[in-house]
Amino acid sequence: MTQVQMIKTFESLIPAEFFGKILIETRDAETAGAAKYNYFLEYSDCLPDVTFGDFVRKVKCRTTGSRQVAPPMPQPDNILPEGKTCGSCLHWNRCSALIGCLTGDETICDFAPIRYREAPIDPR
């Protein structure tokens, strides 16, 4: 059974003191705090002297709607062959650097179309 998740849409007002003009942006998040945190992460490189606490106190969020979403389902063509994992793929080192596949025991390829190629066995 697929777990349905409720996502809210938040409109955030970012005051002019941060960028010289008022910004009004819309973002989907589970909570207003999550929406503010996502904005902070997006803008923190431009605002090195602003702490998250300062940002949260000054940014205002309001809910503008909500919707139900189901988590993405793996596409049948992205599932690795039976008994194979990311760690047994020729491209695993590159993928782990790009995507963050750290364990190598995943059975679904994050690339579409699938990039899985059996790694050659080291004869040593």
N, C-alpha and C. Protein backbone atom coordinates (compact mmCIF):
# COMPACT_ATOMS: atom_id res chain seq x y z
N MET A 1 0.85 -1.18 0.00
CA MET A 1 0.00 0.00 0.00
C MET A 1 0.89 1.24 0.00
N THR A 2 0.63 2.15 -0.88
CA THR A 2 1.41 3.38 -0.98
C THR A 2 0.97 4.36 0.09
N GLN A 3 1.93 4.94 0.78
CA GLN A 3 1.66 5.91 1.83
C GLN A 3 1.46 7.29 1.20
N VAL A 4 0.28 7.88 1.36
CA VAL A 4 -0.02 9.20 0.82
C VAL A 4 0.43 10.23 1.83
N GLN A 5 1.04 11.30 1.35
CA GLN A 5 1.57 12.34 2.21
C GLN A 5 0.85 13.65 1.91
N MET A 6 0.56 14.44 2.94
CA MET A 6 -0.08 15.73 2.76
C MET A 6 1.02 16.80 2.65
N ILE A 7 1.02 17.53 1.57
CA ILE A 7 1.97 18.62 1.36
C ILE A 7 1.19 19.92 1.33
N LYS A 8 1.68 20.91 2.05
CA LYS A 8 1.04 22.22 2.06
C LYS A 8 1.84 23.17 1.18
N THR A 9 1.17 24.16 0.65
CA THR A 9 1.82 25.20 -0.13
C THR A 9 1.88 26.45 0.75
N PHE A 10 3.08 27.01 0.87
CA PHE A 10 3.27 28.19 1.71
C PHE A 10 3.71 29.36 0.85
N GLU A 11 3.13 30.52 1.13
CA GLU A 11 3.60 31.77 0.54
C GLU A 11 4.44 32.47 1.60
N SER A 12 5.67 32.77 1.24
CA SER A 12 6.58 33.40 2.21
C SER A 12 6.90 34.81 1.78
N LEU A 13 6.89 35.71 2.75
CA LEU A 13 7.26 37.09 2.53
C LEU A 13 8.63 37.31 3.15
N ILE A 14 9.61 37.58 2.30
CA ILE A 14 10.98 37.80 2.75
C ILE A 14 11.20 39.31 2.74
N PRO A 15 11.46 39.93 3.92
CA PRO A 15 11.52 41.39 4.01
C PRO A 15 12.66 42.00 3.20
N ALA A 16 12.49 43.28 2.91
CA ALA A 16 13.43 44.01 2.06
C ALA A 16 14.82 44.14 2.68
N GLU A 17 14.94 44.00 3.99
CA GLU A 17 16.25 44.16 4.62
C GLU A 17 17.26 43.12 4.16
N PHE A 18 16.79 42.00 3.62
CA PHE A 18 17.70 40.97 3.15
C PHE A 18 18.24 41.24 1.75
N PHE A 19 17.37 41.66 0.82
CA PHE A 19 17.78 41.79 -0.58
C PHE A 19 17.49 43.16 -1.19
N GLY A 20 17.03 44.10 -0.39
CA GLY A 20 16.76 45.43 -0.91
C GLY A 20 15.35 45.59 -1.47
N LYS A 21 14.63 44.51 -1.60
CA LYS A 21 13.22 44.56 -2.02
C LYS A 21 12.50 43.38 -1.39
N ILE A 22 11.20 43.53 -1.24
CA ILE A 22 10.40 42.46 -0.65
C ILE A 22 10.25 41.34 -1.67
N LEU A 23 10.49 40.12 -1.24
CA LEU A 23 10.30 38.95 -2.09
C LEU A 23 9.10 38.17 -1.56
N ILE A 24 8.23 37.76 -2.47
CA ILE A 24 7.12 36.88 -2.12
C ILE A 24 7.28 35.64 -2.97
N GLU A 25 7.45 34.50 -2.31
CA GLU A 25 7.68 33.25 -3.02
C GLU A 25 6.77 32.17 -2.48
N THR A 26 6.47 31.20 -3.34
CA THR A 26 5.61 30.09 -2.98
C THR A 26 6.42 28.80 -3.02
N ARG A 27 6.22 27.97 -2.01
CA ARG A 27 6.98 26.72 -1.93
C ARG A 27 6.13 25.65 -1.25
N ASP A 28 6.31 24.40 -1.70
CA ASP A 28 5.66 23.26 -1.05
C ASP A 28 6.54 22.74 0.08
N ALA A 29 5.93 22.44 1.21
CA ALA A 29 6.65 21.88 2.36
C ALA A 29 5.63 21.24 3.30
N GLU A 30 6.12 20.47 4.26
CA GLU A 30 5.23 19.85 5.23
C GLU A 30 4.80 20.84 6.31
N THR A 31 5.70 21.77 6.68
CA THR A 31 5.40 22.76 7.71
C THR A 31 5.94 24.12 7.28
N ALA A 32 5.49 25.18 7.96
CA ALA A 32 6.01 26.52 7.67
C ALA A 32 7.49 26.59 8.02
N GLY A 33 7.89 25.93 9.10
CA GLY A 33 9.30 25.91 9.48
C GLY A 33 10.17 25.26 8.42
N ALA A 34 9.66 24.18 7.81
CA ALA A 34 10.41 23.51 6.74
C ALA A 34 10.53 24.42 5.52
N ALA A 35 9.47 25.17 5.21
CA ALA A 35 9.52 26.10 4.08
C ALA A 35 10.55 27.19 4.35
N LYS A 36 10.55 27.74 5.56
CA LYS A 36 11.53 28.78 5.91
C LYS A 36 12.96 28.23 5.86
N TYR A 37 13.13 27.01 6.35
CA TYR A 37 14.47 26.41 6.34
C TYR A 37 14.96 26.20 4.91
N ASN A 38 14.08 25.75 4.02
CA ASN A 38 14.46 25.59 2.62
C ASN A 38 14.87 26.92 2.00
N TYR A 39 14.13 27.99 2.29
CA TYR A 39 14.51 29.32 1.80
C TYR A 39 15.86 29.74 2.36
N PHE A 40 16.04 29.50 3.66
CA PHE A 40 17.31 29.88 4.29
C PHE A 40 18.48 29.17 3.62
N LEU A 41 18.35 27.88 3.37
CA LEU A 41 19.42 27.14 2.71
C LEU A 41 19.69 27.69 1.31
N GLU A 42 18.63 28.07 0.63
CA GLU A 42 18.77 28.61 -0.73
C GLU A 42 19.49 29.95 -0.73
N TYR A 43 19.22 30.80 0.27
CA TYR A 43 19.76 32.15 0.30
C TYR A 43 20.97 32.33 1.21
N SER A 44 21.33 31.34 2.01
CA SER A 44 22.37 31.55 3.03
C SER A 44 23.74 31.88 2.43
N ASP A 45 24.04 31.43 1.22
CA ASP A 45 25.31 31.81 0.60
C ASP A 45 25.38 33.31 0.32
N CYS A 46 24.23 33.91 0.03
CA CYS A 46 24.18 35.35 -0.26
C CYS A 46 24.13 36.18 1.03
N LEU A 47 23.80 35.54 2.13
CA LEU A 47 23.62 36.24 3.41
C LEU A 47 24.49 35.61 4.49
N PRO A 48 25.82 35.70 4.37
CA PRO A 48 26.69 34.98 5.31
C PRO A 48 26.58 35.46 6.76
N ASP A 49 26.13 36.69 7.00
CA ASP A 49 26.05 37.22 8.36
C ASP A 49 24.70 36.99 9.02
N VAL A 50 23.75 36.43 8.29
CA VAL A 50 22.41 36.21 8.83
C VAL A 50 22.32 34.80 9.40
N THR A 51 21.89 34.70 10.64
CA THR A 51 21.72 33.39 11.26
C THR A 51 20.33 32.85 10.91
N PHE A 52 20.15 31.56 11.07
CA PHE A 52 18.85 30.95 10.80
C PHE A 52 17.80 31.54 11.72
N GLY A 53 18.16 31.77 12.99
CA GLY A 53 17.22 32.36 13.94
C GLY A 53 16.73 33.73 13.50
N ASP A 54 17.65 34.58 13.02
CA ASP A 54 17.26 35.90 12.52
C ASP A 54 16.33 35.77 11.31
N PHE A 55 16.68 34.87 10.43
CA PHE A 55 15.90 34.66 9.21
C PHE A 55 14.48 34.21 9.54
N VAL A 56 14.36 33.23 10.43
CA VAL A 56 13.05 32.68 10.79
C VAL A 56 12.17 33.73 11.46
N ARG A 57 12.76 34.56 12.32
CA ARG A 57 11.97 35.57 13.01
C ARG A 57 11.44 36.64 12.06
N LYS A 58 12.14 36.91 10.97
CA LYS A 58 11.76 38.01 10.08
C LYS A 58 10.95 37.57 8.87
N VAL A 59 11.05 36.32 8.46
CA VAL A 59 10.30 35.82 7.30
C VAL A 59 8.93 35.36 7.77
N LYS A 60 7.91 35.76 7.07
CA LYS A 60 6.53 35.38 7.40
C LYS A 60 6.02 34.38 6.38
N CYS A 61 5.34 33.32 6.87
CA CYS A 61 4.77 32.29 6.00
C CYS A 61 3.29 32.16 6.27
N ARG A 62 2.54 31.91 5.21
CA ARG A 62 1.12 31.59 5.37
C ARG A 62 0.77 30.45 4.43
N THR A 63 -0.14 29.62 4.87
CA THR A 63 -0.58 28.48 4.06
C THR A 63 -1.52 28.97 2.98
N THR A 64 -1.28 28.55 1.74
CA THR A 64 -2.17 28.94 0.64
C THR A 64 -2.93 27.75 0.07
N GLY A 65 -2.62 26.56 0.54
CA GLY A 65 -3.33 25.37 0.05
C GLY A 65 -2.62 24.11 0.49
N SER A 66 -3.20 22.98 0.13
CA SER A 66 -2.56 21.70 0.44
C SER A 66 -3.02 20.68 -0.59
N ARG A 67 -2.24 19.61 -0.71
CA ARG A 67 -2.59 18.55 -1.64
C ARG A 67 -1.97 17.25 -1.16
N GLN A 68 -2.53 16.16 -1.61
CA GLN A 68 -2.00 14.86 -1.26
C GLN A 68 -1.07 14.40 -2.38
N VAL A 69 0.07 13.86 -1.99
CA VAL A 69 1.01 13.32 -2.97
C VAL A 69 1.46 11.94 -2.51
N ALA A 70 1.66 11.08 -3.47
CA ALA A 70 2.19 9.75 -3.19
C ALA A 70 3.69 9.78 -3.46
N PRO A 71 4.48 9.03 -2.72
CA PRO A 71 5.91 9.00 -2.99
C PRO A 71 6.17 8.42 -4.39
N PRO A 72 7.23 8.88 -5.04
CA PRO A 72 7.50 8.36 -6.39
C PRO A 72 7.77 6.86 -6.36
N MET A 73 7.22 6.19 -7.32
CA MET A 73 7.42 4.75 -7.44
C MET A 73 8.57 4.48 -8.40
N PRO A 74 9.40 3.49 -8.09
CA PRO A 74 10.49 3.18 -9.02
C PRO A 74 9.93 2.69 -10.36
N GLN A 75 10.51 3.18 -11.44
CA GLN A 75 10.10 2.73 -12.76
C GLN A 75 10.61 1.32 -12.99
N PRO A 76 9.84 0.47 -13.64
CA PRO A 76 10.26 -0.91 -13.85
C PRO A 76 11.61 -1.02 -14.57
N ASP A 77 11.91 -0.06 -15.44
CA ASP A 77 13.17 -0.15 -16.17
C ASP A 77 14.36 0.37 -15.36
N ASN A 78 14.15 0.85 -14.13
CA ASN A 78 15.25 1.30 -13.28
C ASN A 78 15.61 0.28 -12.21
N ILE A 79 14.90 -0.82 -12.16
CA ILE A 79 15.18 -1.86 -11.18
C ILE A 79 16.33 -2.71 -11.71
N LEU A 80 17.34 -2.93 -10.87
CA LEU A 80 18.52 -3.69 -11.27
C LEU A 80 18.17 -5.17 -11.48
N PRO A 81 18.97 -5.88 -12.28
CA PRO A 81 18.72 -7.31 -12.47
C PRO A 81 18.72 -8.06 -11.14
N GLU A 82 18.00 -9.15 -11.09
CA GLU A 82 17.88 -9.96 -9.88
C GLU A 82 19.24 -10.29 -9.28
N GLY A 83 19.40 -10.02 -7.99
CA GLY A 83 20.64 -10.33 -7.29
C GLY A 83 21.76 -9.31 -7.47
N LYS A 84 21.51 -8.24 -8.21
CA LYS A 84 22.54 -7.21 -8.45
C LYS A 84 22.25 -5.98 -7.60
N THR A 85 23.31 -5.26 -7.22
CA THR A 85 23.19 -4.04 -6.43
C THR A 85 24.06 -2.95 -7.06
N CYS A 86 23.90 -1.74 -6.57
CA CYS A 86 24.73 -0.63 -7.06
C CYS A 86 26.22 -0.96 -6.92
N GLY A 87 26.59 -1.62 -5.83
CA GLY A 87 27.99 -1.93 -5.56
C GLY A 87 28.60 -2.87 -6.58
N SER A 88 27.78 -3.61 -7.32
CA SER A 88 28.32 -4.52 -8.33
C SER A 88 28.33 -3.89 -9.72
N CYS A 89 28.05 -2.59 -9.80
CA CYS A 89 28.00 -1.87 -11.08
C CYS A 89 29.35 -1.24 -11.40
N LEU A 90 29.67 -1.23 -12.68
CA LEU A 90 30.91 -0.62 -13.17
C LEU A 90 30.97 0.87 -12.82
N HIS A 91 29.82 1.53 -12.77
CA HIS A 91 29.76 2.98 -12.55
C HIS A 91 29.58 3.37 -11.08
N TRP A 92 29.66 2.43 -10.14
CA TRP A 92 29.32 2.72 -8.74
C TRP A 92 30.14 3.85 -8.14
N ASN A 93 31.45 3.89 -8.37
CA ASN A 93 32.28 4.96 -7.78
C ASN A 93 31.82 6.33 -8.25
N ARG A 94 31.53 6.46 -9.53
CA ARG A 94 31.07 7.75 -10.05
C ARG A 94 29.70 8.10 -9.48
N CYS A 95 28.79 7.14 -9.48
CA CYS A 95 27.45 7.40 -8.95
C CYS A 95 27.48 7.77 -7.46
N SER A 96 28.31 7.08 -6.71
CA SER A 96 28.36 7.38 -5.28
C SER A 96 28.87 8.79 -5.04
N ALA A 97 29.74 9.28 -5.91
CA ALA A 97 30.22 10.66 -5.80
C ALA A 97 29.15 11.66 -6.23
N LEU A 98 28.39 11.33 -7.26
CA LEU A 98 27.37 12.25 -7.79
C LEU A 98 26.09 12.26 -6.97
N ILE A 99 25.63 11.08 -6.60
CA ILE A 99 24.31 10.95 -5.98
C ILE A 99 24.39 10.76 -4.48
N GLY A 100 25.47 10.21 -3.99
CA GLY A 100 25.59 9.97 -2.57
C GLY A 100 25.17 8.57 -2.20
N CYS A 101 25.24 7.64 -3.12
CA CYS A 101 24.95 6.22 -2.87
C CYS A 101 26.12 5.68 -2.05
N LEU A 102 25.98 5.62 -0.74
CA LEU A 102 27.11 5.31 0.12
C LEU A 102 27.26 3.84 0.44
N THR A 103 26.17 3.09 0.46
CA THR A 103 26.26 1.71 0.91
C THR A 103 26.50 0.73 -0.23
N GLY A 104 26.03 1.02 -1.42
CA GLY A 104 26.20 0.11 -2.54
C GLY A 104 25.25 -1.05 -2.53
N ASP A 105 24.24 -1.05 -1.62
CA ASP A 105 23.30 -2.18 -1.58
C ASP A 105 21.94 -1.83 -2.17
N GLU A 106 21.84 -0.69 -2.86
CA GLU A 106 20.59 -0.30 -3.49
C GLU A 106 20.29 -1.20 -4.68
N THR A 107 19.01 -1.44 -4.94
CA THR A 107 18.62 -2.30 -6.05
C THR A 107 17.88 -1.54 -7.14
N ILE A 108 17.86 -0.20 -7.05
CA ILE A 108 17.22 0.65 -8.05
C ILE A 108 18.25 1.66 -8.53
N CYS A 109 18.38 1.80 -9.84
CA CYS A 109 19.32 2.76 -10.42
C CYS A 109 18.67 4.14 -10.45
N ASP A 110 19.37 5.17 -9.95
CA ASP A 110 18.82 6.51 -9.92
C ASP A 110 18.92 7.21 -11.27
N PHE A 111 19.59 6.62 -12.23
CA PHE A 111 19.68 7.21 -13.56
C PHE A 111 18.59 6.65 -14.46
N ALA A 112 18.06 7.48 -15.33
CA ALA A 112 17.08 7.02 -16.32
C ALA A 112 17.56 7.50 -17.69
N PRO A 113 17.74 6.65 -18.62
CA PRO A 113 17.59 5.21 -18.53
C PRO A 113 18.68 4.60 -17.65
N ILE A 114 18.46 3.38 -17.24
CA ILE A 114 19.37 2.69 -16.33
C ILE A 114 20.79 2.63 -16.93
N ARG A 115 21.78 2.83 -16.08
CA ARG A 115 23.19 2.82 -16.51
C ARG A 115 23.94 1.59 -16.00
N TYR A 116 23.23 0.65 -15.40
CA TYR A 116 23.90 -0.50 -14.77
C TYR A 116 24.69 -1.32 -15.79
N ARG A 117 25.95 -1.57 -15.46
CA ARG A 117 26.81 -2.47 -16.22
C ARG A 117 27.59 -3.29 -15.20
N GLU A 118 27.60 -4.58 -15.38
CA GLU A 118 28.31 -5.48 -14.46
C GLU A 118 29.79 -5.10 -14.42
N ALA A 119 30.33 -4.89 -13.23
CA ALA A 119 31.76 -4.58 -13.08
C ALA A 119 32.57 -5.83 -13.36
N PRO A 120 33.71 -5.69 -14.06
CA PRO A 120 34.55 -6.86 -14.31
C PRO A 120 35.12 -7.40 -13.01
N ILE A 121 35.28 -8.67 -12.94
CA ILE A 121 35.84 -9.32 -11.74
C ILE A 121 37.35 -9.14 -11.77
N ASP A 122 37.90 -8.65 -10.66
CA ASP A 122 39.35 -8.43 -10.54
C ASP A 122 40.04 -9.80 -10.44
N PRO A 123 40.96 -10.16 -11.37
CA PRO A 123 41.58 -11.50 -11.35
C PRO A 123 42.61 -11.70 -10.27
N ARG A 124 42.88 -10.69 -9.46
CA ARG A 124 43.92 -10.85 -8.41
C ARG A 124 43.60 -11.89 -7.43
